């Protein structure tokens, strides 16, 4: 596999995204082809990774896709690149709750046999850094800490003491970032503001971070660390080998733009491999669906931040409603579910789902081991999948008479969630298509069937 390293930290808020994104951009400027990855299900950081590298940001999540797929998905995303930078999640050993680090940054680093570049927020500490590094390195010796980047360093004297602490435990300092508020990315209620929403400002922020990393991090040493990896012979994930190609070429519209940014790159790849003609539609700008649209995918995002604009686009709302009520398959997740509801924070939406959405102060976050309670355009009854919830909105009615999914709550009681209405499958649950390619085949086949019926009635 390609040269690679994982950017990790003791905890969230240490500067992982700043360092990882800055490294990606700085290395690209220096002429390297950089493959960007993010540990876990997060959609937001990969958007900035894409700005930094000019390539799709991709996720590596053993919880959602299974640890057996991680290396092959990595090989697929890194194909043709000089090196890969993998941004970790939370602290190095933080994984799914109530497991021994399942899905943690350390777990992924071991699956990839990749060294760790450890980012430490140095504010408020000096020689104690040695104890921190000693503890992290000794906690699991199979995870290799290959170097340190010191972040938020206050002065030359502070740097000197911190370097001494690193030397005490035999770890090399590969970079020292001074305290500077410019080295940050804009945040919001679910984390960072998405790169698509922030537009030119996102590019400017990434450029500023790349400037800082190029000045304060030893890129030659980073490349050398990334090259200190064993050869790994793993099969490269191939979307064409994962799905069945259906008869026909149904046109499937996939919502995009600033309001719908929560999608995994593998979804479009799998839809296309199954025979679909995938067309991206921006519900904030486009007033019509593509000619001959046979199915619709509405991913998550931040529609609550754009509710007034989405509502004002009455022509597209009407087209989506007509498509769904006409029997075309629709797959909606989280923000897409809200768009199909009657209203969102009082603004009229599509009215396909008989419920109203609203912002709340409560964050719903976590993995769900779900099962399909009945057949739908997406899943057969009994199909199991691990997905992820990530939202601060709620619906006035949490599920329909035919829920999209069921799972066990923290109290072990069954939880029903989402809606199956005709050929619409709408839910708060985010799923990774690589974990269930048969669902993609099933959806595209349903779209092909809808396309044939539409042609027959013309």
Foldseek 3Di string as FASTA:
>chain_A
DAQEAEEFEQFPPLCLLLLLLLLLQLVVVVPWQEQEEEQDQDQFSQLSNCLRRVAGYFYQFCVFQNLLCRQQQVCQRCPPGRYYYYYFDTHQQDDAPPDRSHSGNQSSCLSNQHAYAYGGACPPDFLCVLVVVVCVCPVDVSHHHAAYAYEQQADPVRVVRNCVSCVVNPHHHFFYFHDDPLSDADADPQGGQHCLQCDPVSSVSSVVSNVRCNVTGNSVVVSVRSVPGDDDDDHHDALLVLAAAAPDAAEEEEEDGQQQRSDGPVLVVNLVSNRYDYDYDYLLPDLADDPLHLEYEGHGGHVLVVQQSSLVSVNHLQRVLCNVVVQRAYEYAARRLQQCEQGECPRGHNNNHDKHKYFAPDWDWHKFFKAQCDDALQDHHGDTGIWIATGRMAIPDFEDPRARIWGADPVRDIDGGFYGDRRYTYGNTGHHCSNPSHSSSSNSNSSVVSSVVVVVVD
